[in-house]
Amino acid sequence: MNLLGNVQNMAGAEREDMLREIWPYLGPESKKDCLALDRAQGIGKAPEWKLR
């Protein structure tokens, strides 16, 4: 399983912290997948740092 897959399987705050650390290094497809997962899980507006 890849790093993004591992992060997506984490829970809550732990996931957010890890994702914040790796976000700048993710490619555009991974970012798009992550934002789609947020929408699927019912997470509202994406945090500002995810939109960079």
C-alpha atoms as a PDB file:
ATOM      1  CA  MET A   1       0.000   0.000   0.000  1.00  0.00           C
ATOM      2  CA  ASN A   2       1.280   3.472  -0.809  1.00  0.00           C
ATOM      3  CA  LEU A   3       1.791   6.330   1.625  1.00  0.00           C
ATOM      4  CA  LEU A   4      -1.412   8.111   0.641  1.00  0.00           C
ATOM      5  CA  GLY A   5      -3.340   4.861   1.111  1.00  0.00           C
ATOM      6  CA  ASN A   6      -1.894   4.499   4.597  1.00  0.00           C
ATOM      7  CA  VAL A   7      -2.832   8.073   5.477  1.00  0.00           C
ATOM      8  CA  GLN A   8      -6.378   7.585   4.167  1.00  0.00           C
ATOM      9  CA  ASN A   9      -6.804   4.621   6.518  1.00  0.00           C
ATOM     10  CA  MET A  10      -5.787   6.624   9.603  1.00  0.00           C
ATOM     11  CA  ALA A  11      -8.357   8.171  11.900  1.00  0.00           C
ATOM     12  CA  GLY A  12      -9.190  11.802  12.595  1.00  0.00           C
ATOM     13  CA  ALA A  13      -6.503  14.074  14.006  1.00  0.00           C
ATOM     14  CA  GLU A  14      -3.677  11.629  13.344  1.00  0.00           C
ATOM     15  CA  ARG A  15      -4.648  11.514   9.671  1.00  0.00           C
ATOM     16  CA  GLU A  16      -4.882  15.312   9.456  1.00  0.00           C
ATOM     17  CA  ASP A  17      -1.419  15.798  11.016  1.00  0.00           C
ATOM     18  CA  MET A  18       0.248  13.250   8.745  1.00  0.00           C
ATOM     19  CA  LEU A  19      -1.505  14.549   5.657  1.00  0.00           C
ATOM     20  CA  ARG A  20      -0.511  18.133   6.466  1.00  0.00           C
ATOM     21  CA  GLU A  21       3.139  17.023   6.550  1.00  0.00           C
ATOM     22  CA  ILE A  22       3.118  15.166   3.228  1.00  0.00           C
ATOM     23  CA  TRP A  23       0.676  17.405   1.320  1.00  0.00           C
ATOM     24  CA  PRO A  24       3.340  19.598  -0.370  1.00  0.00           C
ATOM     25  CA  TYR A  25       4.977  16.471  -1.807  1.00  0.00           C
ATOM     26  CA  LEU A  26       1.839  14.850  -3.239  1.00  0.00           C
ATOM     27  CA  GLY A  27       1.148  15.036  -6.943  1.00  0.00           C
ATOM     28  CA  PRO A  28      -2.015  16.602  -8.357  1.00  0.00           C
ATOM     29  CA  GLU A  29      -3.774  13.239  -8.814  1.00  0.00           C
ATOM     30  CA  SER A  30      -3.136  12.239  -5.191  1.00  0.00           C
ATOM     31  CA  LYS A  31      -4.427  15.592  -3.964  1.00  0.00           C
ATOM     32  CA  LYS A  32      -7.549  15.216  -6.110  1.00  0.00           C
ATOM     33  CA  ASP A  33      -8.106  11.687  -4.736  1.00  0.00           C
ATOM     34  CA  CYS A  34      -7.721  12.912  -1.175  1.00  0.00           C
ATOM     35  CA  LEU A  35     -10.185  15.777  -1.640  1.00  0.00           C
ATOM     36  CA  ALA A  36     -12.649  13.350  -3.251  1.00  0.00           C
ATOM     37  CA  LEU A  37     -12.288  11.050  -0.228  1.00  0.00           C
ATOM     38  CA  ASP A  38     -13.037  13.988   2.083  1.00  0.00           C
ATOM     39  CA  ARG A  39     -16.225  14.703   0.137  1.00  0.00           C
ATOM     40  CA  ALA A  40     -17.221  11.026   0.212  1.00  0.00           C
ATOM     41  CA  GLN A  41     -16.744  10.941   3.994  1.00  0.00           C
ATOM     42  CA  GLY A  42     -18.937  14.006   4.391  1.00  0.00           C
ATOM     43  CA  ILE A  43     -16.129  16.316   5.443  1.00  0.00           C
ATOM     44  CA  GLY A  44     -17.227  19.833   4.562  1.00  0.00           C
ATOM     45  CA  LYS A  45     -15.008  22.586   3.252  1.00  0.00           C
ATOM     46  CA  ALA A  46     -11.375  21.629   2.697  1.00  0.00           C
ATOM     47  CA  PRO A  47      -8.877  23.338   5.006  1.00  0.00           C
ATOM     48  CA  GLU A  48      -6.936  26.216   3.445  1.00  0.00           C
ATOM     49  CA  TRP A  49      -3.667  24.239   3.450  1.00  0.00           C
ATOM     50  CA  LYS A  50      -5.223  21.537   1.260  1.00  0.00           C
ATOM     51  CA  LEU A  51      -6.043  24.026  -1.466  1.00  0.00           C
ATOM     52  CA  ARG A  52      -2.416  24.974  -2.120  1.00  0.00           C
END
